[in-house]
Amino acid sequence: MILIDLLKSYRNMASPYQRVILVRVFVMFKYNMLIKESLDFTRRPAMKSQV
């Protein structure tokens, strides 16, 4: 994933404070993805079960 490569390259030159902010943004991003997936699952359970 591109975002993870960005994190790795950024971590080398980032201060601890910037690193904390970046991690928070990353966690929020992952959290939003999980919410979207769960919403899709509740909206279309038939599609998921066929896979």
PDB file of N, CA and C in Angstrom:
ATOM      1  N   MET A   1       0.841  -1.194   0.000  1.00  0.00           N
ATOM      2  CA  MET A   1       0.000   0.000   0.000  1.00  0.00           C
ATOM      3  C   MET A   1       0.878   1.247   0.000  1.00  0.00           C
ATOM      4  N   ILE A   2       0.490   2.228  -0.764  1.00  0.00           N
ATOM      5  CA  ILE A   2       1.312   3.430  -0.934  1.00  0.00           C
ATOM      6  C   ILE A   2       1.462   4.181   0.381  1.00  0.00           C
ATOM      7  N   LEU A   3       0.382   4.228   1.167  1.00  0.00           N
ATOM      8  CA  LEU A   3       0.398   4.994   2.412  1.00  0.00           C
ATOM      9  C   LEU A   3       1.423   4.446   3.391  1.00  0.00           C
ATOM     10  N   ILE A   4       1.583   3.124   3.414  1.00  0.00           N
ATOM     11  CA  ILE A   4       2.541   2.500   4.332  1.00  0.00           C
ATOM     12  C   ILE A   4       3.971   2.832   3.907  1.00  0.00           C
ATOM     13  N   ASP A   5       4.242   2.822   2.612  1.00  0.00           N
ATOM     14  CA  ASP A   5       5.567   3.215   2.118  1.00  0.00           C
ATOM     15  C   ASP A   5       5.850   4.669   2.460  1.00  0.00           C
ATOM     16  N   LEU A   6       4.818   5.503   2.361  1.00  0.00           N
ATOM     17  CA  LEU A   6       4.948   6.914   2.713  1.00  0.00           C
ATOM     18  C   LEU A   6       5.291   7.059   4.189  1.00  0.00           C
ATOM     19  N   LEU A   7       4.632   6.248   5.027  1.00  0.00           N
ATOM     20  CA  LEU A   7       4.904   6.276   6.463  1.00  0.00           C
ATOM     21  C   LEU A   7       6.344   5.899   6.756  1.00  0.00           C
ATOM     22  N   LYS A   8       6.833   4.854   6.102  1.00  0.00           N
ATOM     23  CA  LYS A   8       8.196   4.376   6.363  1.00  0.00           C
ATOM     24  C   LYS A   8       9.234   5.419   5.963  1.00  0.00           C
ATOM     25  N   SER A   9       9.049   6.031   4.807  1.00  0.00           N
ATOM     26  CA  SER A   9      10.008   7.043   4.356  1.00  0.00           C
ATOM     27  C   SER A   9       9.914   8.299   5.214  1.00  0.00           C
ATOM     28  N   TYR A  10       8.711   8.625   5.662  1.00  0.00           N
ATOM     29  CA  TYR A  10       8.504   9.828   6.470  1.00  0.00           C
ATOM     30  C   TYR A  10       9.056   9.647   7.877  1.00  0.00           C
ATOM     31  N   ARG A  11       8.983   8.434   8.378  1.00  0.00           N
ATOM     32  CA  ARG A  11       9.413   8.148   9.751  1.00  0.00           C
ATOM     33  C   ARG A  11      10.911   8.394   9.928  1.00  0.00           C
ATOM     34  N   ASN A  12      11.679   8.217   8.855  1.00  0.00           N
ATOM     35  CA  ASN A  12      13.130   8.390   8.945  1.00  0.00           C
ATOM     36  C   ASN A  12      13.526   9.843   9.180  1.00  0.00           C
ATOM     37  N   MET A  13      12.744  10.783   8.653  1.00  0.00           N
ATOM     38  CA  MET A  13      13.114  12.197   8.755  1.00  0.00           C
ATOM     39  C   MET A  13      12.182  12.986   9.670  1.00  0.00           C
ATOM     40  N   ALA A  14      11.226  12.309  10.305  1.00  0.00           N
ATOM     41  CA  ALA A  14      10.238  13.004  11.123  1.00  0.00           C
ATOM     42  C   ALA A  14      10.682  13.080  12.582  1.00  0.00           C
ATOM     43  N   SER A  15      10.306  14.182  13.226  1.00  0.00           N
ATOM     44  CA  SER A  15      10.519  14.300  14.667  1.00  0.00           C
ATOM     45  C   SER A  15       9.460  13.465  15.385  1.00  0.00           C
ATOM     46  N   PRO A  16       9.690  13.115  16.650  1.00  0.00           N
ATOM     47  CA  PRO A  16       8.705  12.307  17.392  1.00  0.00           C
ATOM     48  C   PRO A  16       7.316  12.942  17.398  1.00  0.00           C
ATOM     49  N   TYR A  17       7.262  14.264  17.483  1.00  0.00           N
ATOM     50  CA  TYR A  17       5.965  14.953  17.512  1.00  0.00           C
ATOM     51  C   TYR A  17       5.218  14.767  16.194  1.00  0.00           C
ATOM     52  N   GLN A  18       5.941  14.931  15.088  1.00  0.00           N
ATOM     53  CA  GLN A  18       5.322  14.742  13.773  1.00  0.00           C
ATOM     54  C   GLN A  18       4.890  13.292  13.584  1.00  0.00           C
ATOM     55  N   ARG A  19       5.680  12.382  14.145  1.00  0.00           N
ATOM     56  CA  ARG A  19       5.387  10.952  14.023  1.00  0.00           C
ATOM     57  C   ARG A  19       4.062  10.625  14.703  1.00  0.00           C
ATOM     58  N   VAL A  20       3.843  11.205  15.878  1.00  0.00           N
ATOM     59  CA  VAL A  20       2.595  10.968  16.622  1.00  0.00           C
ATOM     60  C   VAL A  20       1.398  11.447  15.813  1.00  0.00           C
ATOM     61  N   ILE A  21       1.534  12.622  15.209  1.00  0.00           N
ATOM     62  CA  ILE A  21       0.441  13.167  14.392  1.00  0.00           C
ATOM     63  C   ILE A  21       0.153  12.252  13.207  1.00  0.00           C
ATOM     64  N   LEU A  22       1.223  11.793  12.562  1.00  0.00           N
ATOM     65  CA  LEU A  22       1.062  10.946  11.384  1.00  0.00           C
ATOM     66  C   LEU A  22       0.391   9.623  11.751  1.00  0.00           C
ATOM     67  N   VAL A  23       0.783   9.064  12.892  1.00  0.00           N
ATOM     68  CA  VAL A  23       0.185   7.809  13.349  1.00  0.00           C
ATOM     69  C   VAL A  23      -1.295   8.005  13.639  1.00  0.00           C
ATOM     70  N   ARG A  24      -1.636   9.139  14.238  1.00  0.00           N
ATOM     71  CA  ARG A  24      -3.051   9.412  14.523  1.00  0.00           C
ATOM     72  C   ARG A  24      -3.863   9.504  13.240  1.00  0.00           C
ATOM     73  N   VAL A  25      -3.300  10.179  12.249  1.00  0.00           N
ATOM     74  CA  VAL A  25      -3.985  10.300  10.956  1.00  0.00           C
ATOM     75  C   VAL A  25      -4.162   8.924  10.320  1.00  0.00           C
ATOM     76  N   PHE A  26      -3.108   8.103  10.421  1.00  0.00           N
ATOM     77  CA  PHE A  26      -3.158   6.766   9.847  1.00  0.00           C
ATOM     78  C   PHE A  26      -4.222   5.911  10.536  1.00  0.00           C
ATOM     79  N   VAL A  27      -4.286   5.996  11.871  1.00  0.00           N
ATOM     80  CA  VAL A  27      -5.282   5.234  12.632  1.00  0.00           C
ATOM     81  C   VAL A  27      -6.690   5.686  12.269  1.00  0.00           C
ATOM     82  N   MET A  28      -6.881   6.982  12.136  1.00  0.00           N
ATOM     83  CA  MET A  28      -8.193   7.502  11.752  1.00  0.00           C
ATOM     84  C   MET A  28      -8.587   6.992  10.367  1.00  0.00           C
ATOM     85  N   PHE A  29      -7.606   6.955   9.458  1.00  0.00           N
ATOM     86  CA  PHE A  29      -7.847   6.472   8.100  1.00  0.00           C
ATOM     87  C   PHE A  29      -8.286   5.010   8.124  1.00  0.00           C
ATOM     88  N   LYS A  30      -7.551   4.179   8.883  1.00  0.00           N
ATOM     89  CA  LYS A  30      -7.890   2.763   8.984  1.00  0.00           C
ATOM     90  C   LYS A  30      -9.261   2.582   9.631  1.00  0.00           C
ATOM     91  N   TYR A  31      -9.552   3.409  10.638  1.00  0.00           N
ATOM     92  CA  TYR A  31     -10.829   3.328  11.348  1.00  0.00           C
ATOM     93  C   TYR A  31     -11.980   3.649  10.404  1.00  0.00           C
ATOM     94  N   ASN A  32     -11.795   4.665   9.564  1.00  0.00           N
ATOM     95  CA  ASN A  32     -12.823   5.024   8.588  1.00  0.00           C
ATOM     96  C   ASN A  32     -13.043   3.902   7.584  1.00  0.00           C
ATOM     97  N   MET A  33     -11.973   3.236   7.168  1.00  0.00           N
ATOM     98  CA  MET A  33     -12.085   2.117   6.241  1.00  0.00           C
ATOM     99  C   MET A  33     -12.901   0.989   6.865  1.00  0.00           C
ATOM    100  N   LEU A  34     -12.657   0.710   8.148  1.00  0.00           N
ATOM    101  CA  LEU A  34     -13.389  -0.343   8.839  1.00  0.00           C
ATOM    102  C   LEU A  34     -14.866   0.001   8.937  1.00  0.00           C
ATOM    103  N   ILE A  35     -15.169   1.270   9.207  1.00  0.00           N
ATOM    104  CA  ILE A  35     -16.565   1.705   9.305  1.00  0.00           C
ATOM    105  C   ILE A  35     -17.259   1.532   7.961  1.00  0.00           C
ATOM    106  N   LYS A  36     -16.584   1.915   6.879  1.00  0.00           N
ATOM    107  CA  LYS A  36     -17.173   1.785   5.547  1.00  0.00           C
ATOM    108  C   LYS A  36     -17.437   0.319   5.214  1.00  0.00           C
ATOM    109  N   GLU A  37     -16.498  -0.556   5.569  1.00  0.00           N
ATOM    110  CA  GLU A  37     -16.668  -1.982   5.284  1.00  0.00           C
ATOM    111  C   GLU A  37     -17.848  -2.557   6.064  1.00  0.00           C
ATOM    112  N   SER A  38     -17.979  -2.154   7.326  1.00  0.00           N
ATOM    113  CA  SER A  38     -19.077  -2.665   8.142  1.00  0.00           C
ATOM    114  C   SER A  38     -20.412  -2.129   7.636  1.00  0.00           C
ATOM    115  N   LEU A  39     -20.424  -0.891   7.161  1.00  0.00           N
ATOM    116  CA  LEU A  39     -21.646  -0.325   6.598  1.00  0.00           C
ATOM    117  C   LEU A  39     -22.036  -1.063   5.328  1.00  0.00           C
ATOM    118  N   ASP A  40     -21.056  -1.366   4.487  1.00  0.00           N
ATOM    119  CA  ASP A  40     -21.325  -2.132   3.273  1.00  0.00           C
ATOM    120  C   ASP A  40     -21.854  -3.519   3.624  1.00  0.00           C
ATOM    121  N   PHE A  41     -21.315  -4.098   4.689  1.00  0.00           N
ATOM    122  CA  PHE A  41     -21.722  -5.438   5.095  1.00  0.00           C
ATOM    123  C   PHE A  41     -23.175  -5.445   5.559  1.00  0.00           C
ATOM    124  N   THR A  42     -23.576  -4.426   6.324  1.00  0.00           N
ATOM    125  CA  THR A  42     -24.952  -4.373   6.817  1.00  0.00           C
ATOM    126  C   THR A  42     -25.911  -4.024   5.690  1.00  0.00           C
ATOM    127  N   ARG A  43     -25.416  -3.292   4.702  1.00  0.00           N
ATOM    128  CA  ARG A  43     -26.271  -2.892   3.594  1.00  0.00           C
ATOM    129  C   ARG A  43     -26.499  -4.043   2.621  1.00  0.00           C
ATOM    130  N   ARG A  44     -25.444  -4.851   2.387  1.00  0.00           N
ATOM    131  CA  ARG A  44     -25.536  -5.934   1.403  1.00  0.00           C
ATOM    132  C   ARG A  44     -24.994  -7.243   1.969  1.00  0.00           C
ATOM    133  N   PRO A  45     -25.665  -7.852   2.913  1.00  0.00           N
ATOM    134  CA  PRO A  45     -25.162  -9.100   3.500  1.00  0.00           C
ATOM    135  C   PRO A  45     -25.157 -10.254   2.499  1.00  0.00           C
ATOM    136  N   ALA A  46     -26.065 -10.227   1.511  1.00  0.00           N
ATOM    137  CA  ALA A  46     -26.148 -11.310   0.537  1.00  0.00           C
ATOM    138  C   ALA A  46     -24.896 -11.353  -0.341  1.00  0.00           C
ATOM    139  N   MET A  47     -24.408 -10.180  -0.734  1.00  0.00           N
ATOM    140  CA  MET A  47     -23.214 -10.104  -1.578  1.00  0.00           C
ATOM    141  C   MET A  47     -22.009 -10.704  -0.861  1.00  0.00           C
ATOM    142  N   LYS A  48     -21.890 -10.408   0.435  1.00  0.00           N
ATOM    143  CA  LYS A  48     -20.735 -10.870   1.199  1.00  0.00           C
ATOM    144  C   LYS A  48     -20.777 -12.389   1.390  1.00  0.00           C
ATOM    145  N   SER A  49     -21.954 -12.931   1.630  1.00  0.00           N
ATOM    146  CA  SER A  49     -22.055 -14.359   1.939  1.00  0.00           C
ATOM    147  C   SER A  49     -21.786 -15.221   0.702  1.00  0.00           C
ATOM    148  N   GLN A  50     -22.013 -14.687  -0.480  1.00  0.00           N
ATOM    149  CA  GLN A  50     -21.769 -15.447  -1.705  1.00  0.00           C
ATOM    150  C   GLN A  50     -20.282 -15.617  -1.982  1.00  0.00           C
ATOM    151  N   VAL A  51     -19.472 -14.714  -1.440  1.00  0.00           N
ATOM    152  CA  VAL A  51     -18.022 -14.821  -1.639  1.00  0.00           C
ATOM    153  C   VAL A  51     -17.514 -15.967  -0.780  1.00  0.00           C
TER     154      VAL A  51
END
